[in-house]
N, C-alpha and C. Protein backbone atom coordinates (compact mmCIF):
# COMPACT_ATOMS: atom_id res chain seq x y z
N UNK A 1 39.98 122.77 134.85
CA UNK A 1 40.05 121.95 133.66
C UNK A 1 40.61 122.81 132.51
N UNK A 2 41.65 122.36 131.88
CA UNK A 2 42.24 123.08 130.76
C UNK A 2 41.70 122.51 129.45
N UNK A 3 41.51 123.38 128.48
CA UNK A 3 41.07 122.94 127.16
C UNK A 3 41.53 123.95 126.12
N UNK A 4 41.62 123.47 124.89
CA UNK A 4 41.97 124.33 123.75
C UNK A 4 40.70 124.66 122.98
N UNK A 5 40.58 125.91 122.56
CA UNK A 5 39.40 126.31 121.79
C UNK A 5 39.74 127.50 120.89
N UNK A 6 38.86 127.71 119.94
CA UNK A 6 38.92 128.89 119.08
C UNK A 6 37.64 129.69 119.29
N UNK A 7 37.78 130.99 119.30
CA UNK A 7 36.62 131.86 119.47
C UNK A 7 36.16 132.39 118.11
N UNK A 8 34.86 132.58 117.95
CA UNK A 8 34.37 133.17 116.71
C UNK A 8 34.78 134.62 116.65
N UNK A 9 35.02 135.10 115.45
CA UNK A 9 35.41 136.50 115.29
C UNK A 9 34.22 137.42 115.50
N UNK A 10 33.03 136.93 115.17
CA UNK A 10 31.80 137.70 115.32
C UNK A 10 30.76 136.85 116.01
N UNK A 11 29.95 137.43 116.90
CA UNK A 11 28.89 136.63 117.55
C UNK A 11 27.91 136.06 116.52
N UNK A 12 27.50 134.84 116.72
CA UNK A 12 26.52 134.14 115.91
C UNK A 12 26.99 133.82 114.49
N UNK A 13 28.25 134.03 114.16
CA UNK A 13 28.81 133.67 112.84
C UNK A 13 29.81 132.54 113.10
N UNK A 14 29.45 131.33 112.74
CA UNK A 14 30.24 130.16 113.09
C UNK A 14 31.16 129.70 111.95
N UNK A 15 31.36 130.51 110.93
CA UNK A 15 32.24 130.14 109.82
C UNK A 15 33.58 130.84 109.92
N UNK A 16 33.76 131.69 110.91
CA UNK A 16 35.01 132.46 111.01
C UNK A 16 35.54 132.37 112.43
N UNK A 17 36.65 131.66 112.59
CA UNK A 17 37.24 131.50 113.91
C UNK A 17 38.64 132.12 113.93
N UNK A 18 39.04 132.59 115.10
CA UNK A 18 40.39 133.15 115.28
C UNK A 18 41.37 132.05 115.62
N UNK A 19 42.47 132.44 116.22
CA UNK A 19 43.50 131.47 116.56
C UNK A 19 43.12 130.67 117.81
N UNK A 20 43.83 129.59 118.04
CA UNK A 20 43.56 128.70 119.15
C UNK A 20 44.14 129.24 120.44
N UNK A 21 43.35 129.16 121.52
CA UNK A 21 43.78 129.57 122.84
C UNK A 21 43.65 128.43 123.82
N UNK A 22 44.54 128.42 124.80
CA UNK A 22 44.41 127.48 125.90
C UNK A 22 43.65 128.18 127.02
N UNK A 23 42.58 127.59 127.45
CA UNK A 23 41.71 128.22 128.47
C UNK A 23 41.59 127.29 129.67
N UNK A 24 41.24 127.90 130.79
CA UNK A 24 41.01 127.14 132.02
C UNK A 24 39.58 127.42 132.48
N UNK A 25 38.84 126.36 132.77
CA UNK A 25 37.46 126.50 133.21
C UNK A 25 37.40 126.45 134.73
N UNK A 26 36.61 127.35 135.31
CA UNK A 26 36.31 127.29 136.75
C UNK A 26 34.89 127.81 136.92
N UNK A 27 34.04 126.99 137.49
CA UNK A 27 32.63 127.30 137.67
C UNK A 27 32.01 127.69 136.33
N UNK A 28 31.37 128.87 136.23
CA UNK A 28 30.80 129.35 134.98
C UNK A 28 31.69 130.41 134.35
N UNK A 29 32.99 130.34 134.60
CA UNK A 29 33.94 131.28 134.04
C UNK A 29 35.04 130.51 133.33
N UNK A 30 35.63 131.19 132.34
CA UNK A 30 36.84 130.66 131.73
C UNK A 30 37.90 131.75 131.78
N UNK A 31 39.10 131.32 132.03
CA UNK A 31 40.27 132.21 132.07
C UNK A 31 41.04 131.94 130.79
N UNK A 32 41.12 132.97 129.97
CA UNK A 32 41.75 132.79 128.67
C UNK A 32 42.47 134.08 128.27
N UNK A 33 43.72 133.92 127.88
CA UNK A 33 44.50 135.03 127.38
C UNK A 33 44.57 136.18 128.39
N UNK A 34 44.65 135.83 129.67
CA UNK A 34 44.75 136.85 130.72
C UNK A 34 43.44 137.52 131.09
N UNK A 35 42.32 137.09 130.52
CA UNK A 35 41.02 137.69 130.82
C UNK A 35 40.08 136.63 131.39
N UNK A 36 39.07 137.10 132.08
CA UNK A 36 38.07 136.22 132.64
C UNK A 36 36.74 136.49 131.97
N UNK A 37 36.09 135.45 131.48
CA UNK A 37 34.81 135.58 130.79
C UNK A 37 33.80 134.64 131.45
N UNK A 38 32.55 135.04 131.44
CA UNK A 38 31.47 134.13 131.79
C UNK A 38 31.05 133.42 130.50
N UNK A 39 30.46 132.26 130.67
CA UNK A 39 29.94 131.55 129.49
C UNK A 39 28.67 130.82 129.84
N UNK A 40 27.84 130.60 128.83
CA UNK A 40 26.61 129.83 128.98
C UNK A 40 26.52 128.87 127.82
N UNK A 41 26.00 127.67 128.06
CA UNK A 41 25.83 126.74 126.96
C UNK A 41 24.78 127.23 125.96
N UNK A 42 24.96 126.86 124.74
CA UNK A 42 24.05 127.23 123.66
C UNK A 42 23.41 125.95 123.13
N UNK A 43 22.20 126.01 122.74
CA UNK A 43 21.50 124.85 122.19
C UNK A 43 22.22 124.36 120.93
N UNK A 44 22.43 123.05 120.85
CA UNK A 44 23.10 122.48 119.67
C UNK A 44 22.25 122.72 118.42
N UNK A 45 20.94 122.65 118.56
CA UNK A 45 20.07 122.89 117.41
C UNK A 45 20.19 124.33 116.94
N UNK A 46 20.23 125.28 117.86
CA UNK A 46 20.39 126.68 117.48
C UNK A 46 21.74 126.91 116.79
N UNK A 47 22.78 126.31 117.31
CA UNK A 47 24.11 126.41 116.70
C UNK A 47 24.09 125.90 115.26
N UNK A 48 23.51 124.71 115.06
CA UNK A 48 23.47 124.14 113.73
C UNK A 48 22.60 124.96 112.78
N UNK A 49 21.49 125.48 113.27
CA UNK A 49 20.62 126.32 112.43
C UNK A 49 21.34 127.60 112.03
N UNK A 50 21.99 128.24 113.00
CA UNK A 50 22.69 129.49 112.69
C UNK A 50 23.83 129.27 111.70
N UNK A 51 24.46 128.12 111.79
CA UNK A 51 25.60 127.86 110.90
C UNK A 51 25.18 127.40 109.52
N UNK A 52 24.16 126.53 109.45
CA UNK A 52 23.86 125.88 108.17
C UNK A 52 22.61 126.37 107.46
N UNK A 53 21.74 127.13 108.12
CA UNK A 53 20.55 127.63 107.43
C UNK A 53 20.91 128.57 106.26
N UNK A 54 21.84 129.52 106.42
CA UNK A 54 22.21 130.35 105.25
C UNK A 54 22.78 129.52 104.10
N UNK A 55 23.54 128.50 104.43
CA UNK A 55 24.11 127.62 103.40
C UNK A 55 22.99 126.84 102.70
N UNK A 56 22.03 126.34 103.48
CA UNK A 56 20.92 125.60 102.89
C UNK A 56 20.07 126.48 101.98
N UNK A 57 19.91 127.74 102.37
CA UNK A 57 19.15 128.66 101.51
C UNK A 57 19.88 128.89 100.19
N UNK A 58 21.18 129.05 100.26
CA UNK A 58 21.98 129.22 99.04
C UNK A 58 21.87 127.97 98.15
N UNK A 59 21.98 126.79 98.77
CA UNK A 59 21.85 125.55 97.99
C UNK A 59 20.46 125.44 97.37
N UNK A 60 19.43 125.91 98.07
CA UNK A 60 18.08 125.86 97.55
C UNK A 60 17.98 126.62 96.22
N UNK A 61 18.66 127.75 96.14
CA UNK A 61 18.63 128.54 94.91
C UNK A 61 19.61 128.05 93.84
N UNK A 62 20.65 127.34 94.25
CA UNK A 62 21.65 126.88 93.29
C UNK A 62 21.34 125.54 92.65
N UNK A 63 20.66 124.68 93.38
CA UNK A 63 20.40 123.34 92.87
C UNK A 63 19.12 123.31 92.05
N UNK A 64 19.18 122.53 90.99
CA UNK A 64 18.01 122.34 90.13
C UNK A 64 17.69 120.85 90.07
N UNK A 65 16.60 120.50 89.40
CA UNK A 65 16.26 119.09 89.30
C UNK A 65 17.29 118.34 88.46
N UNK A 66 18.01 119.03 87.61
CA UNK A 66 19.02 118.37 86.76
C UNK A 66 20.26 117.98 87.58
N UNK A 67 20.45 118.62 88.73
CA UNK A 67 21.58 118.25 89.58
C UNK A 67 21.39 116.88 90.21
N UNK A 68 20.16 116.39 90.23
CA UNK A 68 19.87 115.11 90.83
C UNK A 68 19.65 114.00 89.81
N UNK A 69 19.85 114.32 88.54
CA UNK A 69 19.66 113.32 87.50
C UNK A 69 20.88 112.41 87.42
N UNK A 70 20.68 111.24 86.88
CA UNK A 70 21.78 110.28 86.76
C UNK A 70 22.26 110.17 85.32
N UNK A 71 22.36 111.29 84.65
CA UNK A 71 22.90 111.32 83.29
C UNK A 71 24.40 111.14 83.34
N UNK A 72 24.99 110.81 82.21
CA UNK A 72 26.43 110.60 82.12
C UNK A 72 27.21 111.82 82.61
N UNK A 73 26.77 113.01 82.22
CA UNK A 73 27.48 114.23 82.61
C UNK A 73 27.48 114.43 84.13
N UNK A 74 26.34 114.18 84.75
CA UNK A 74 26.23 114.35 86.19
C UNK A 74 27.04 113.29 86.94
N UNK A 75 27.01 112.06 86.44
CA UNK A 75 27.79 111.00 87.09
C UNK A 75 29.28 111.31 87.05
N UNK A 76 29.75 111.83 85.93
CA UNK A 76 31.16 112.24 85.83
C UNK A 76 31.43 113.39 86.79
N UNK A 77 30.52 114.34 86.89
CA UNK A 77 30.67 115.44 87.82
C UNK A 77 30.71 114.95 89.27
N UNK A 78 29.79 114.02 89.61
CA UNK A 78 29.77 113.48 90.97
C UNK A 78 31.09 112.78 91.29
N UNK A 79 31.58 111.96 90.37
CA UNK A 79 32.81 111.22 90.59
C UNK A 79 34.00 112.17 90.79
N UNK A 80 34.12 113.16 89.94
CA UNK A 80 35.22 114.12 90.08
C UNK A 80 35.08 114.93 91.37
N UNK A 81 33.86 115.27 91.75
CA UNK A 81 33.64 116.02 93.01
C UNK A 81 34.04 115.17 94.21
N UNK A 82 33.72 113.90 94.17
CA UNK A 82 34.12 113.00 95.26
C UNK A 82 35.65 112.91 95.33
N UNK A 83 36.31 112.85 94.18
CA UNK A 83 37.77 112.81 94.18
C UNK A 83 38.37 114.11 94.73
N UNK A 84 37.81 115.26 94.36
CA UNK A 84 38.27 116.54 94.91
C UNK A 84 38.07 116.56 96.41
N UNK A 85 36.90 116.13 96.86
CA UNK A 85 36.59 116.10 98.29
C UNK A 85 37.57 115.21 99.05
N UNK A 86 37.80 114.01 98.55
CA UNK A 86 38.72 113.08 99.22
C UNK A 86 40.14 113.63 99.23
N UNK A 87 40.57 114.21 98.13
CA UNK A 87 41.91 114.78 98.08
C UNK A 87 42.03 115.95 99.07
N UNK A 88 40.99 116.73 99.18
CA UNK A 88 41.01 117.90 100.07
C UNK A 88 41.11 117.48 101.52
N UNK A 89 40.41 116.42 101.92
CA UNK A 89 40.38 116.05 103.33
C UNK A 89 41.41 115.02 103.74
N UNK A 90 41.90 114.21 102.82
CA UNK A 90 42.77 113.13 103.24
C UNK A 90 44.22 113.27 102.79
N UNK A 91 44.57 114.35 102.12
CA UNK A 91 45.95 114.60 101.76
C UNK A 91 46.46 115.82 102.51
N UNK A 92 47.75 115.98 102.57
CA UNK A 92 48.36 117.04 103.36
C UNK A 92 49.03 118.09 102.49
N UNK A 93 48.89 119.33 102.84
CA UNK A 93 49.62 120.50 102.34
C UNK A 93 49.83 120.54 100.82
N UNK A 94 51.08 120.46 100.37
CA UNK A 94 51.41 120.63 98.96
C UNK A 94 50.81 119.51 98.12
N UNK A 95 50.81 118.29 98.64
CA UNK A 95 50.24 117.16 97.90
C UNK A 95 48.75 117.39 97.69
N UNK A 96 48.07 117.94 98.69
CA UNK A 96 46.63 118.25 98.58
C UNK A 96 46.40 119.25 97.45
N UNK A 97 47.17 120.32 97.46
CA UNK A 97 47.01 121.36 96.44
C UNK A 97 47.24 120.80 95.04
N UNK A 98 48.31 120.05 94.89
CA UNK A 98 48.62 119.46 93.58
C UNK A 98 47.54 118.50 93.15
N UNK A 99 47.06 117.66 94.06
CA UNK A 99 46.04 116.67 93.71
C UNK A 99 44.74 117.35 93.29
N UNK A 100 44.32 118.39 94.02
CA UNK A 100 43.08 119.10 93.66
C UNK A 100 43.22 119.76 92.29
N UNK A 101 44.37 120.39 92.05
CA UNK A 101 44.59 121.03 90.74
C UNK A 101 44.60 120.01 89.62
N UNK A 102 45.26 118.87 89.85
CA UNK A 102 45.30 117.82 88.82
C UNK A 102 43.90 117.27 88.54
N UNK A 103 43.12 117.03 89.58
CA UNK A 103 41.75 116.52 89.39
C UNK A 103 40.91 117.53 88.64
N UNK A 104 41.02 118.81 88.99
CA UNK A 104 40.25 119.84 88.27
C UNK A 104 40.72 119.97 86.83
N UNK A 105 42.02 119.85 86.58
CA UNK A 105 42.54 119.89 85.21
C UNK A 105 42.04 118.69 84.40
N UNK A 106 42.03 117.52 85.04
CA UNK A 106 41.49 116.33 84.36
C UNK A 106 39.99 116.50 84.09
N UNK A 107 39.28 117.10 85.03
CA UNK A 107 37.86 117.38 84.82
C UNK A 107 37.65 118.30 83.62
N UNK A 108 38.49 119.32 83.53
CA UNK A 108 38.42 120.24 82.39
C UNK A 108 38.70 119.50 81.09
N UNK A 109 39.73 118.64 81.10
CA UNK A 109 40.09 117.89 79.89
C UNK A 109 38.97 116.93 79.49
N UNK A 110 38.41 116.23 80.45
CA UNK A 110 37.29 115.32 80.18
C UNK A 110 36.10 116.10 79.65
N UNK A 111 35.82 117.24 80.29
CA UNK A 111 34.71 118.08 79.84
C UNK A 111 34.93 118.59 78.43
N UNK A 112 36.15 119.00 78.09
CA UNK A 112 36.44 119.48 76.73
C UNK A 112 36.31 118.35 75.73
N UNK A 113 36.77 117.16 76.09
CA UNK A 113 36.70 116.02 75.19
C UNK A 113 35.24 115.62 74.93
N UNK A 114 34.42 115.67 75.96
CA UNK A 114 33.02 115.27 75.81
C UNK A 114 32.10 116.42 75.42
N UNK A 115 32.64 117.63 75.31
CA UNK A 115 31.83 118.77 74.96
C UNK A 115 31.02 119.33 76.11
N UNK A 116 31.43 119.02 77.34
CA UNK A 116 30.75 119.51 78.55
C UNK A 116 31.65 120.58 79.18
N UNK A 117 31.59 121.79 78.66
CA UNK A 117 32.53 122.82 79.07
C UNK A 117 32.28 123.36 80.47
N UNK A 118 31.14 123.05 81.03
CA UNK A 118 30.84 123.50 82.39
C UNK A 118 31.11 122.42 83.45
N UNK A 119 31.82 121.39 83.08
CA UNK A 119 32.05 120.27 84.00
C UNK A 119 32.78 120.72 85.27
N UNK A 120 33.79 121.57 85.13
CA UNK A 120 34.56 122.00 86.30
C UNK A 120 33.66 122.77 87.28
N UNK A 121 32.77 123.58 86.75
CA UNK A 121 31.86 124.34 87.61
C UNK A 121 30.96 123.39 88.42
N UNK A 122 30.46 122.34 87.76
CA UNK A 122 29.62 121.37 88.47
C UNK A 122 30.45 120.59 89.49
N UNK A 123 31.68 120.25 89.13
CA UNK A 123 32.55 119.53 90.07
C UNK A 123 32.77 120.36 91.32
N UNK A 124 33.06 121.64 91.16
CA UNK A 124 33.27 122.50 92.32
C UNK A 124 31.98 122.66 93.13
N UNK A 125 30.85 122.80 92.47
CA UNK A 125 29.57 122.94 93.18
C UNK A 125 29.29 121.69 94.02
N UNK A 126 29.46 120.52 93.45
CA UNK A 126 29.17 119.29 94.18
C UNK A 126 30.22 119.03 95.26
N UNK A 127 31.46 119.42 95.04
CA UNK A 127 32.49 119.26 96.07
C UNK A 127 32.19 120.16 97.28
N UNK A 128 31.72 121.37 97.03
CA UNK A 128 31.36 122.28 98.12
C UNK A 128 30.17 121.72 98.90
N UNK A 129 29.21 121.13 98.20
CA UNK A 129 28.06 120.51 98.88
C UNK A 129 28.52 119.35 99.75
N UNK A 130 29.41 118.51 99.22
CA UNK A 130 29.96 117.40 100.02
C UNK A 130 30.70 117.94 101.24
N UNK A 131 31.48 118.99 101.05
CA UNK A 131 32.19 119.61 102.16
C UNK A 131 31.22 120.07 103.25
N UNK A 132 30.14 120.72 102.88
CA UNK A 132 29.16 121.20 103.86
C UNK A 132 28.49 120.05 104.60
N UNK A 133 28.14 118.98 103.90
CA UNK A 133 27.55 117.82 104.57
C UNK A 133 28.55 117.20 105.55
N UNK A 134 29.80 117.08 105.13
CA UNK A 134 30.84 116.53 105.99
C UNK A 134 31.01 117.39 107.24
N UNK A 135 31.06 118.71 107.05
CA UNK A 135 31.23 119.61 108.18
C UNK A 135 30.01 119.55 109.13
N UNK A 136 28.81 119.38 108.57
CA UNK A 136 27.62 119.25 109.40
C UNK A 136 27.75 118.06 110.34
N UNK A 137 28.18 116.91 109.80
CA UNK A 137 28.29 115.72 110.64
C UNK A 137 29.43 115.83 111.64
N UNK A 138 30.47 116.57 111.31
CA UNK A 138 31.53 116.82 112.29
C UNK A 138 31.01 117.74 113.39
N UNK A 139 30.23 118.76 113.01
CA UNK A 139 29.72 119.72 113.99
C UNK A 139 28.72 119.11 114.95
N UNK A 140 28.15 117.98 114.63
CA UNK A 140 27.24 117.31 115.55
C UNK A 140 27.95 116.89 116.83
N UNK A 141 29.26 116.71 116.77
CA UNK A 141 30.04 116.28 117.93
C UNK A 141 30.43 117.44 118.85
N UNK A 142 30.25 118.68 118.40
CA UNK A 142 30.70 119.82 119.16
C UNK A 142 29.57 120.41 120.02
N UNK A 143 29.97 121.04 121.11
CA UNK A 143 29.06 121.80 121.97
C UNK A 143 29.41 123.27 121.83
N UNK A 144 28.39 124.10 121.64
CA UNK A 144 28.61 125.53 121.46
C UNK A 144 28.32 126.26 122.77
N UNK A 145 29.10 127.31 123.01
CA UNK A 145 28.94 128.12 124.22
C UNK A 145 29.00 129.59 123.84
N UNK A 146 28.24 130.39 124.60
CA UNK A 146 28.25 131.86 124.41
C UNK A 146 29.26 132.45 125.38
N UNK A 147 30.10 133.31 124.91
CA UNK A 147 31.09 134.00 125.73
C UNK A 147 30.50 135.35 126.11
N UNK A 148 30.33 135.59 127.40
CA UNK A 148 29.63 136.78 127.87
C UNK A 148 30.60 137.68 128.65
N UNK A 149 30.57 138.96 128.30
CA UNK A 149 31.38 139.94 129.01
C UNK A 149 30.52 141.18 129.27
N UNK A 150 30.41 141.57 130.51
CA UNK A 150 29.58 142.71 130.92
C UNK A 150 28.13 142.53 130.49
N UNK A 151 27.63 141.31 130.55
CA UNK A 151 26.22 141.04 130.22
C UNK A 151 25.92 140.96 128.73
N UNK A 152 26.91 141.08 127.88
CA UNK A 152 26.68 141.01 126.43
C UNK A 152 27.44 139.82 125.84
N UNK A 153 26.84 139.24 124.82
CA UNK A 153 27.50 138.14 124.12
C UNK A 153 28.54 138.74 123.19
N UNK A 154 29.81 138.39 123.43
CA UNK A 154 30.90 138.95 122.64
C UNK A 154 31.44 137.96 121.63
N UNK A 155 31.20 136.68 121.87
CA UNK A 155 31.72 135.66 120.96
C UNK A 155 31.09 134.32 121.31
N UNK A 156 31.50 133.31 120.57
CA UNK A 156 31.11 131.94 120.85
C UNK A 156 32.34 131.08 120.75
N UNK A 157 32.28 129.89 121.35
CA UNK A 157 33.35 128.94 121.18
C UNK A 157 32.77 127.53 121.18
N UNK A 158 33.53 126.62 120.60
CA UNK A 158 33.10 125.23 120.48
C UNK A 158 34.08 124.32 121.19
N UNK A 159 33.57 123.30 121.82
CA UNK A 159 34.42 122.26 122.43
C UNK A 159 33.75 120.91 122.20
N UNK A 160 34.56 119.88 122.25
CA UNK A 160 33.98 118.55 122.16
C UNK A 160 33.52 118.08 123.52
N UNK A 161 34.11 118.67 124.59
CA UNK A 161 33.72 118.30 125.96
C UNK A 161 32.58 119.16 126.43
N UNK A 162 31.76 118.59 127.30
CA UNK A 162 30.73 119.39 127.98
C UNK A 162 31.39 120.12 129.13
N UNK A 163 31.16 121.41 129.18
CA UNK A 163 31.76 122.21 130.28
C UNK A 163 30.77 122.44 131.39
């Protein structure tokens, strides 16, 4: 069975992947880039915890009770963050970059007009939070595997198929 995958650059760090490789599966081995590796499935819960627990801890320290209020300033921040998020995920290349810059510039202008000079910072914070939630729900579809060489875990990889 052939499949495309990316390997993590470091074991147990799921935020950094290398380039895409075409691999062939046979039994409990994969043949990739001229090498043969053993692999074992990894618990989906462990994968999600390893990937998102550090992010959740950072959010715990960054978010305050005022981030959840429905004041005018927060609602404007939420709306601009949603626009940045949508532009980031649903537009392509140069148009994406221009749209994100324009939305952030408009956020700055709105913030300056209303006297909310930290509006852009809140927009970026909420857009990053939306990005992490979106990535979490995408990662629920993936299966994680440990890449083993000489009895040691050297990397991990993700696939949508069960191997």
